[in-house]
C-alpha atoms as a PDB file:
ATOM      1  CA  MET A   1     -21.733  26.362   4.522  1.00  0.00           C
ATOM      2  CA  ASP A   2     -19.546  26.430   7.630  1.00  0.00           C
ATOM      3  CA  LYS A   3     -20.285  29.391   9.902  1.00  0.00           C
ATOM      4  CA  ASN A   4     -17.052  28.790  11.833  1.00  0.00           C
ATOM      5  CA  ARG A   5     -14.876  29.570   8.800  1.00  0.00           C
ATOM      6  CA  GLU A   6     -13.837  33.078   7.878  1.00  0.00           C
ATOM      7  CA  ASP A   7     -15.295  32.802   4.384  1.00  0.00           C
ATOM      8  CA  GLY A   8     -18.259  30.663   5.491  1.00  0.00           C
ATOM      9  CA  TYR A   9     -17.232  27.599   3.435  1.00  0.00           C
ATOM     10  CA  ARG A  10     -15.926  24.203   4.445  1.00  0.00           C
ATOM     11  CA  HIS A  11     -12.844  23.534   2.302  1.00  0.00           C
ATOM     12  CA  PRO A  12     -11.459  20.094   1.342  1.00  0.00           C
ATOM     13  CA  PRO A  13      -8.095  19.225   2.796  1.00  0.00           C
ATOM     14  CA  ALA A  14      -5.107  20.610   0.865  1.00  0.00           C
ATOM     15  CA  VAL A  15      -3.061  17.488   1.658  1.00  0.00           C
ATOM     16  CA  PHE A  16      -4.325  13.946   1.561  1.00  0.00           C
ATOM     17  CA  SER A  17      -2.800  10.436   1.707  1.00  0.00           C
ATOM     18  CA  ILE A  18      -3.672   7.238  -0.078  1.00  0.00           C
ATOM     19  CA  GLY A  19      -1.376   4.567   1.355  1.00  0.00           C
ATOM     20  CA  ALA A  20       2.155   5.922   1.314  1.00  0.00           C
ATOM     21  CA  ASP A  21       1.317   8.360  -1.479  1.00  0.00           C
ATOM     22  CA  ARG A  22       0.486  11.965  -0.684  1.00  0.00           C
ATOM     23  CA  GLY A  23      -1.556  14.247  -2.877  1.00  0.00           C
ATOM     24  CA  PHE A  24      -2.087  18.000  -2.915  1.00  0.00           C
ATOM     25  CA  LEU A  25      -5.224  19.860  -3.854  1.00  0.00           C
ATOM     26  CA  VAL A  26      -4.831  23.373  -5.160  1.00  0.00           C
ATOM     27  CA  TYR A  27      -7.604  25.745  -6.240  1.00  0.00           C
ATOM     28  CA  ALA A  28      -8.368  29.463  -6.411  1.00  0.00           C
ATOM     29  CA  GLY A  29      -9.439  30.925  -3.043  1.00  0.00           C
ATOM     30  CA  GLN A  30      -8.004  28.049  -1.091  1.00  0.00           C
ATOM     31  CA  PRO A  31      -7.014  28.923   2.508  1.00  0.00           C
ATOM     32  CA  GLN A  32      -3.314  28.722   3.274  1.00  0.00           C
ATOM     33  CA  ALA A  33      -2.386  25.192   4.518  1.00  0.00           C
ATOM     34  CA  CYS A  34       0.815  23.391   5.335  1.00  0.00           C
ATOM     35  CA  ARG A  35       1.812  20.529   2.956  1.00  0.00           C
ATOM     36  CA  ARG A  36       3.727  18.909   5.782  1.00  0.00           C
ATOM     37  CA  CYS A  37       1.257  18.684   8.664  1.00  0.00           C
ATOM     38  CA  GLY A  38      -2.026  19.747   7.022  1.00  0.00           C
ATOM     39  CA  SER A  39      -2.722  22.597   9.465  1.00  0.00           C
ATOM     40  CA  THR A  40      -3.898  25.978   8.251  1.00  0.00           C
ATOM     41  CA  GLY A  41      -2.209  29.231   9.028  1.00  0.00           C
ATOM     42  CA  HIS A  42       1.347  28.397   7.946  1.00  0.00           C
ATOM     43  CA  GLU A  43       3.232  26.822   5.050  1.00  0.00           C
ATOM     44  CA  ALA A  44       5.666  23.893   5.035  1.00  0.00           C
ATOM     45  CA  GLU A  45       8.693  26.196   5.088  1.00  0.00           C
ATOM     46  CA  GLN A  46       7.626  27.474   8.599  1.00  0.00           C
ATOM     47  CA  CYS A  47       6.545  24.041   9.873  1.00  0.00           C
ATOM     48  CA  ASP A  48       8.545  22.283  12.585  1.00  0.00           C
ATOM     49  CA  GLN A  49       6.505  19.073  12.463  1.00  0.00           C
ATOM     50  CA  VAL A  50       7.888  15.851  10.904  1.00  0.00           C
ATOM     51  CA  ARG A  51       5.825  13.103   9.331  1.00  0.00           C
ATOM     52  CA  CYS A  52       6.872   9.479   8.912  1.00  0.00           C
ATOM     53  CA  ARG A  53       6.519   8.371   5.283  1.00  0.00           C
ATOM     54  CA  SER A  54       6.242   4.744   6.444  1.00  0.00           C
ATOM     55  CA  CYS A  55       3.332   4.867   8.917  1.00  0.00           C
ATOM     56  CA  ASN A  56       2.142   8.436   8.009  1.00  0.00           C
ATOM     57  CA  ASN A  57       2.061   9.525  11.656  1.00  0.00           C
ATOM     58  CA  MET A  58       3.434  12.842  12.925  1.00  0.00           C
ATOM     59  CA  GLY A  59       6.291  13.227  15.402  1.00  0.00           C
ATOM     60  CA  HIS A  60       8.996  11.017  13.983  1.00  0.00           C
ATOM     61  CA  THR A  61      10.841  10.303  10.728  1.00  0.00           C
ATOM     62  CA  THR A  62      10.839   7.054   8.747  1.00  0.00           C
ATOM     63  CA  ARG A  63      14.285   6.262  10.056  1.00  0.00           C
ATOM     64  CA  ASP A  64      12.965   6.360  13.691  1.00  0.00           C
ATOM     65  CA  CYS A  65       9.667   4.520  12.982  1.00  0.00           C
ATOM     66  CA  LYS A  66       8.883   1.730  15.448  1.00  0.00           C
ATOM     67  CA  GLU A  67       5.965   0.372  13.394  1.00  0.00           C
ATOM     68  CA  PRO A  68       6.675  -2.753  11.325  1.00  0.00           C
ATOM     69  CA  LYS A  69       7.335  -2.078   7.650  1.00  0.00           C
ATOM     70  CA  ARG A  70       4.374  -2.997   5.479  1.00  0.00           C
ATOM     71  CA  CYS A  71       3.314  -3.025   1.881  1.00  0.00           C
ATOM     72  CA  HIS A  72       1.149  -0.052   1.045  1.00  0.00           C
ATOM     73  CA  LEU A  73      -0.438  -1.999  -1.838  1.00  0.00           C
ATOM     74  CA  CYS A  74      -1.647  -5.144  -0.030  1.00  0.00           C
ATOM     75  CA  ASP A  75      -0.990  -4.307   3.653  1.00  0.00           C
ATOM     76  CA  SER A  76       1.280  -7.277   4.224  1.00  0.00           C
ATOM     77  CA  GLU A  77       4.182  -7.082   6.685  1.00  0.00           C
ATOM     78  CA  ALA A  78       6.104  -9.677   4.696  1.00  0.00           C
ATOM     79  CA  HIS A  79       7.356  -7.244   2.066  1.00  0.00           C
ATOM     80  CA  ILE A  80       7.264  -3.604   0.969  1.00  0.00           C
ATOM     81  CA  ALA A  81       5.420  -2.162  -2.063  1.00  0.00           C
ATOM     82  CA  ARG A  82       8.287  -2.356  -4.547  1.00  0.00           C
ATOM     83  CA  ASP A  83       8.471  -6.174  -3.951  1.00  0.00           C
ATOM     84  CA  CYS A  84       4.698  -6.730  -4.032  1.00  0.00           C
ATOM     85  CA  THR A  85       3.435  -9.384  -6.471  1.00  0.00           C
ATOM     86  CA  LYS A  86      -0.220  -8.364  -6.150  1.00  0.00           C
ATOM     87  CA  PRO A  87      -1.664  -7.503  -9.590  1.00  0.00           C
ATOM     88  CA  ARG A  88      -1.723  -3.751 -10.126  1.00  0.00           C
ATOM     89  CA  PRO A  89      -5.057  -2.059 -10.918  1.00  0.00           C
ATOM     90  CA  CYS A  90      -5.763  -0.862 -14.418  1.00  0.00           C
ATOM     91  CA  ALA A  91      -4.267   2.563 -15.213  1.00  0.00           C
ATOM     92  CA  ALA A  92      -4.375   4.794 -18.263  1.00  0.00           C
ATOM     93  CA  VAL A  93      -1.018   5.798 -19.600  1.00  0.00           C
ATOM     94  CA  VAL A  94      -1.183   9.009 -21.625  1.00  0.00           C
ATOM     95  CA  LYS A  95       1.336   9.238 -24.437  1.00  0.00           C
ATOM     96  CA  ALA A  96       1.672  11.389 -27.545  1.00  0.00           C
ATOM     97  CA  GLY A  97      -0.930   9.215 -29.305  1.00  0.00           C
ATOM     98  CA  PRO A  98      -4.074   7.436 -28.184  1.00  0.00           C
ATOM     99  CA  ILE A  99      -4.479   6.398 -24.527  1.00  0.00           C
ATOM    100  CA  GLU A 100      -2.755   3.058 -23.823  1.00  0.00           C
ATOM    101  CA  ARG A 101      -4.357   1.005 -21.012  1.00  0.00           C
ATOM    102  CA  LYS A 102      -2.103  -1.131 -18.865  1.00  0.00           C
ATOM    103  CA  CYS A 103      -4.212  -3.516 -16.829  1.00  0.00           C
ATOM    104  CA  SER A 104      -3.666  -6.456 -14.573  1.00  0.00           C
ATOM    105  CA  GLU A 105      -5.066  -9.721 -15.822  1.00  0.00           C
ATOM    106  CA  GLU A 106      -7.469  -9.969 -12.872  1.00  0.00           C
ATOM    107  CA  GLU A 107     -10.068  -7.287 -13.693  1.00  0.00           C
END
């Protein structure tokens, strides 16, 4: 319980990042939150903040980012994720039939 919240509950963030990937959490009774900046009280359509998709920081776009480009899979500055040779983790691929598992050889 969070006594500072209007409904008394502490809610998980509606927007989260894992590397360069962003995810959104949606559930019944969720407080209004902006998908762009993560703040509550407004939605992305009313938000004037910009977020860099390269470094994930607020206040500038990817085009204006001063941080070195880096791979979001292995954290190397030598290449970006699409050129990464690091083995990918195992992932389930759901198709019309049984689940097919695509795994790297190093598991």
